[in-house]
N, C-alpha and C. Protein backbone atom coordinates (compact mmCIF):
# COMPACT_ATOMS: atom_id res chain seq x y z
N MET A 1 -15.67 -6.12 -12.77
CA MET A 1 -14.54 -6.93 -12.38
C MET A 1 -13.82 -7.40 -13.64
N ASP A 2 -12.51 -7.24 -13.65
CA ASP A 2 -11.71 -7.63 -14.81
C ASP A 2 -11.20 -9.06 -14.69
N GLY A 3 -10.86 -9.48 -13.50
CA GLY A 3 -10.34 -10.82 -13.29
C GLY A 3 -9.11 -10.79 -12.41
N ASP A 4 -8.84 -11.91 -11.77
CA ASP A 4 -7.69 -12.05 -10.87
C ASP A 4 -7.69 -10.97 -9.79
N GLY A 5 -8.88 -10.57 -9.34
CA GLY A 5 -8.98 -9.63 -8.23
C GLY A 5 -9.00 -8.17 -8.62
N LEU A 6 -8.95 -7.84 -9.90
CA LEU A 6 -8.96 -6.45 -10.34
C LEU A 6 -10.39 -5.96 -10.49
N HIS A 7 -10.71 -4.85 -9.81
CA HIS A 7 -12.05 -4.27 -9.83
C HIS A 7 -11.96 -2.78 -10.13
N ARG A 8 -13.00 -2.24 -10.75
CA ARG A 8 -13.15 -0.79 -10.85
C ARG A 8 -14.29 -0.43 -9.92
N THR A 9 -14.01 0.42 -8.95
CA THR A 9 -15.03 0.82 -7.98
C THR A 9 -15.49 2.24 -8.27
N VAL A 10 -16.71 2.53 -7.86
CA VAL A 10 -17.27 3.87 -8.01
C VAL A 10 -17.84 4.29 -6.66
N THR A 11 -17.30 5.38 -6.11
CA THR A 11 -17.82 5.95 -4.87
C THR A 11 -17.88 7.45 -5.02
N HIS A 12 -19.03 8.03 -4.78
CA HIS A 12 -19.22 9.49 -4.86
C HIS A 12 -18.71 10.04 -6.19
N ASN A 13 -19.09 9.38 -7.28
CA ASN A 13 -18.71 9.78 -8.64
C ASN A 13 -17.21 9.71 -8.89
N LYS A 14 -16.46 9.03 -8.04
CA LYS A 14 -15.03 8.83 -8.26
C LYS A 14 -14.82 7.36 -8.61
N LYS A 15 -14.15 7.13 -9.73
CA LYS A 15 -13.88 5.77 -10.18
C LYS A 15 -12.42 5.44 -9.93
N SER A 16 -12.17 4.25 -9.44
CA SER A 16 -10.78 3.87 -9.19
C SER A 16 -10.61 2.37 -9.36
N TRP A 17 -9.36 1.98 -9.57
CA TRP A 17 -9.00 0.58 -9.70
C TRP A 17 -8.56 0.04 -8.35
N VAL A 18 -9.01 -1.17 -8.02
CA VAL A 18 -8.66 -1.83 -6.77
C VAL A 18 -8.26 -3.27 -7.07
N HIS A 19 -7.18 -3.71 -6.43
CA HIS A 19 -6.78 -5.12 -6.53
C HIS A 19 -7.07 -5.79 -5.20
N ARG A 20 -7.93 -6.78 -5.25
CA ARG A 20 -8.28 -7.56 -4.04
C ARG A 20 -7.47 -8.85 -4.08
N PHE A 21 -6.75 -9.12 -2.98
CA PHE A 21 -5.92 -10.32 -2.92
C PHE A 21 -5.89 -10.86 -1.50
N MET A 22 -5.36 -12.06 -1.37
CA MET A 22 -5.25 -12.71 -0.07
C MET A 22 -3.79 -12.67 0.38
N PHE A 23 -3.56 -12.06 1.52
CA PHE A 23 -2.26 -12.09 2.18
C PHE A 23 -2.54 -11.93 3.66
N GLN A 24 -2.41 -12.99 4.40
CA GLN A 24 -2.75 -12.97 5.82
C GLN A 24 -4.16 -12.39 6.00
N GLY A 25 -5.09 -12.90 5.22
CA GLY A 25 -6.45 -12.39 5.20
C GLY A 25 -6.67 -11.60 3.92
N GLY A 26 -7.89 -11.22 3.66
CA GLY A 26 -8.21 -10.47 2.45
C GLY A 26 -7.72 -9.03 2.55
N ARG A 27 -7.17 -8.51 1.46
CA ARG A 27 -6.68 -7.13 1.43
C ARG A 27 -7.13 -6.48 0.13
N ASP A 28 -7.32 -5.19 0.17
CA ASP A 28 -7.62 -4.39 -1.02
C ASP A 28 -6.53 -3.35 -1.17
N MET A 29 -6.03 -3.20 -2.39
CA MET A 29 -4.99 -2.20 -2.67
C MET A 29 -5.46 -1.31 -3.81
N GLY A 30 -5.50 0.00 -3.56
CA GLY A 30 -5.85 0.94 -4.61
C GLY A 30 -4.73 1.03 -5.62
N LEU A 31 -5.10 1.05 -6.90
CA LEU A 31 -4.11 1.12 -7.97
C LEU A 31 -4.13 2.46 -8.71
N GLY A 32 -5.08 3.31 -8.38
CA GLY A 32 -5.16 4.61 -9.02
C GLY A 32 -6.55 4.89 -9.54
N SER A 33 -6.76 6.15 -9.88
CA SER A 33 -8.09 6.57 -10.33
C SER A 33 -8.25 6.35 -11.83
N TYR A 34 -9.49 6.09 -12.21
CA TYR A 34 -9.84 5.94 -13.61
C TYR A 34 -10.39 7.27 -14.10
N PRO A 35 -10.01 7.79 -15.22
CA PRO A 35 -9.25 7.21 -16.32
C PRO A 35 -7.76 7.53 -16.29
N THR A 36 -7.27 8.18 -15.22
CA THR A 36 -5.84 8.50 -15.13
C THR A 36 -5.01 7.23 -15.28
N VAL A 37 -5.43 6.17 -14.60
CA VAL A 37 -4.79 4.86 -14.74
C VAL A 37 -5.67 4.04 -15.68
N SER A 38 -5.10 3.65 -16.81
CA SER A 38 -5.87 2.89 -17.80
C SER A 38 -6.05 1.44 -17.34
N LEU A 39 -6.91 0.73 -18.02
CA LEU A 39 -7.11 -0.68 -17.72
C LEU A 39 -5.80 -1.45 -17.91
N ALA A 40 -5.07 -1.13 -18.95
CA ALA A 40 -3.80 -1.81 -19.21
C ALA A 40 -2.81 -1.57 -18.06
N ASP A 41 -2.73 -0.33 -17.58
CA ASP A 41 -1.83 -0.02 -16.47
C ASP A 41 -2.28 -0.70 -15.18
N ALA A 42 -3.59 -0.74 -14.95
CA ALA A 42 -4.11 -1.42 -13.76
C ALA A 42 -3.78 -2.91 -13.82
N ARG A 43 -3.88 -3.49 -15.00
CA ARG A 43 -3.52 -4.91 -15.15
C ARG A 43 -2.04 -5.13 -14.88
N LEU A 44 -1.19 -4.22 -15.34
CA LEU A 44 0.25 -4.34 -15.07
C LEU A 44 0.54 -4.27 -13.57
N LYS A 45 -0.10 -3.33 -12.88
CA LYS A 45 0.08 -3.21 -11.44
C LYS A 45 -0.41 -4.46 -10.72
N ARG A 46 -1.56 -4.99 -11.16
CA ARG A 46 -2.08 -6.23 -10.57
C ARG A 46 -1.08 -7.37 -10.76
N ASP A 47 -0.51 -7.47 -11.96
CA ASP A 47 0.45 -8.54 -12.24
C ASP A 47 1.72 -8.37 -11.40
N GLN A 48 2.16 -7.13 -11.18
CA GLN A 48 3.32 -6.89 -10.31
C GLN A 48 3.00 -7.35 -8.89
N ASN A 49 1.79 -7.05 -8.43
CA ASN A 49 1.37 -7.48 -7.10
C ASN A 49 1.37 -9.00 -7.01
N LYS A 50 0.89 -9.67 -8.04
CA LYS A 50 0.84 -11.12 -8.03
C LYS A 50 2.24 -11.72 -7.95
N ARG A 51 3.22 -11.09 -8.61
CA ARG A 51 4.61 -11.58 -8.53
C ARG A 51 5.13 -11.43 -7.09
N LEU A 52 4.83 -10.29 -6.46
CA LEU A 52 5.25 -10.09 -5.07
C LEU A 52 4.60 -11.12 -4.16
N LEU A 53 3.32 -11.36 -4.35
CA LEU A 53 2.60 -12.34 -3.54
C LEU A 53 3.20 -13.73 -3.70
N ALA A 54 3.62 -14.08 -4.92
CA ALA A 54 4.23 -15.39 -5.17
C ALA A 54 5.54 -15.54 -4.40
N GLU A 55 6.20 -14.40 -4.12
CA GLU A 55 7.45 -14.41 -3.35
C GLU A 55 7.19 -14.27 -1.85
N GLY A 56 5.92 -14.20 -1.46
CA GLY A 56 5.58 -14.08 -0.05
C GLY A 56 5.69 -12.66 0.49
N ILE A 57 5.60 -11.68 -0.40
CA ILE A 57 5.72 -10.27 -0.02
C ILE A 57 4.36 -9.60 -0.13
N ASP A 58 4.00 -8.83 0.90
CA ASP A 58 2.75 -8.07 0.90
C ASP A 58 2.92 -6.85 -0.01
N PRO A 59 2.16 -6.73 -1.10
CA PRO A 59 2.31 -5.60 -2.01
C PRO A 59 2.06 -4.24 -1.35
N ILE A 60 1.16 -4.18 -0.37
CA ILE A 60 0.88 -2.91 0.29
C ILE A 60 2.09 -2.45 1.10
N GLU A 61 2.69 -3.37 1.84
CA GLU A 61 3.89 -3.03 2.63
C GLU A 61 5.06 -2.69 1.70
N ALA A 62 5.18 -3.41 0.60
CA ALA A 62 6.25 -3.13 -0.37
C ALA A 62 6.09 -1.72 -0.95
N ALA A 63 4.85 -1.31 -1.22
CA ALA A 63 4.60 0.03 -1.75
C ALA A 63 4.94 1.09 -0.71
N LYS A 64 4.62 0.84 0.56
CA LYS A 64 4.95 1.79 1.62
C LYS A 64 6.46 1.97 1.74
N ILE A 65 7.19 0.88 1.68
CA ILE A 65 8.65 0.94 1.77
C ILE A 65 9.23 1.69 0.58
N SER A 66 8.70 1.40 -0.60
CA SER A 66 9.18 2.07 -1.82
C SER A 66 8.94 3.57 -1.75
N LYS A 67 7.76 3.99 -1.27
CA LYS A 67 7.46 5.41 -1.16
C LYS A 67 8.35 6.08 -0.13
N ALA A 68 8.63 5.40 0.98
CA ALA A 68 9.50 5.97 2.02
C ALA A 68 10.92 6.15 1.49
N LYS A 69 11.41 5.16 0.74
CA LYS A 69 12.75 5.28 0.16
C LYS A 69 12.82 6.44 -0.84
N ALA A 70 11.78 6.59 -1.64
CA ALA A 70 11.76 7.68 -2.62
C ALA A 70 11.72 9.03 -1.92
N ALA A 71 10.96 9.13 -0.83
CA ALA A 71 10.89 10.39 -0.09
C ALA A 71 12.24 10.72 0.54
N ASN A 72 12.91 9.73 1.09
CA ASN A 72 14.23 9.96 1.69
C ASN A 72 15.26 10.33 0.65
N ALA A 73 15.16 9.74 -0.53
CA ALA A 73 16.12 10.03 -1.59
C ALA A 73 15.95 11.46 -2.12
N SER A 74 14.76 12.02 -1.97
CA SER A 74 14.51 13.36 -2.51
C SER A 74 15.07 14.46 -1.60
N TYR A 75 15.39 14.12 -0.35
CA TYR A 75 15.97 15.11 0.55
C TYR A 75 17.44 15.29 0.24
N ARG A 76 17.86 16.53 0.16
CA ARG A 76 19.28 16.79 -0.08
C ARG A 76 20.02 16.77 1.27
N LYS A 77 21.20 16.24 1.22
CA LYS A 77 22.03 16.23 2.43
C LYS A 77 22.58 17.62 2.64
N PHE A 78 22.85 17.96 3.91
CA PHE A 78 23.33 19.28 4.25
C PHE A 78 24.61 19.61 3.49
N ASP A 79 25.53 18.65 3.43
CA ASP A 79 26.80 18.90 2.73
C ASP A 79 26.57 19.22 1.27
N ASP A 80 25.64 18.51 0.63
CA ASP A 80 25.34 18.78 -0.78
C ASP A 80 24.73 20.18 -0.95
N ALA A 81 23.84 20.53 -0.05
CA ALA A 81 23.19 21.85 -0.14
C ALA A 81 24.19 22.97 0.15
N ALA A 82 25.14 22.73 1.03
CA ALA A 82 26.12 23.75 1.39
C ALA A 82 27.06 24.07 0.23
N GLU A 83 27.31 23.07 -0.59
CA GLU A 83 28.20 23.31 -1.74
C GLU A 83 27.50 24.16 -2.73
C-alpha cells in the first residue's frame, strides 16, 4: 500500500495498481498494470481521482464517459469518408 488508497495487487502473477476510495460506498478502480504504469503514474492517476471526488464526481463513471467520447470521436462521419 502506497497511501491514500493506492495499492499494488497481485493475482495470478499479474501485478496492477488499484485506487480504493469512498463514493456512495467503497469502490476500487484499476489504474493499470505494473510495471507498464509506474508508481509515479499511479500516484498521478490517484491524485486526479481525488480531485474528481472533491468535486463530487465518481472517477469510474468519469472514465467511462471519457472512453465513450474518445470512441465516438474516432469514428469518421460518412460525409468525411465520402470526400
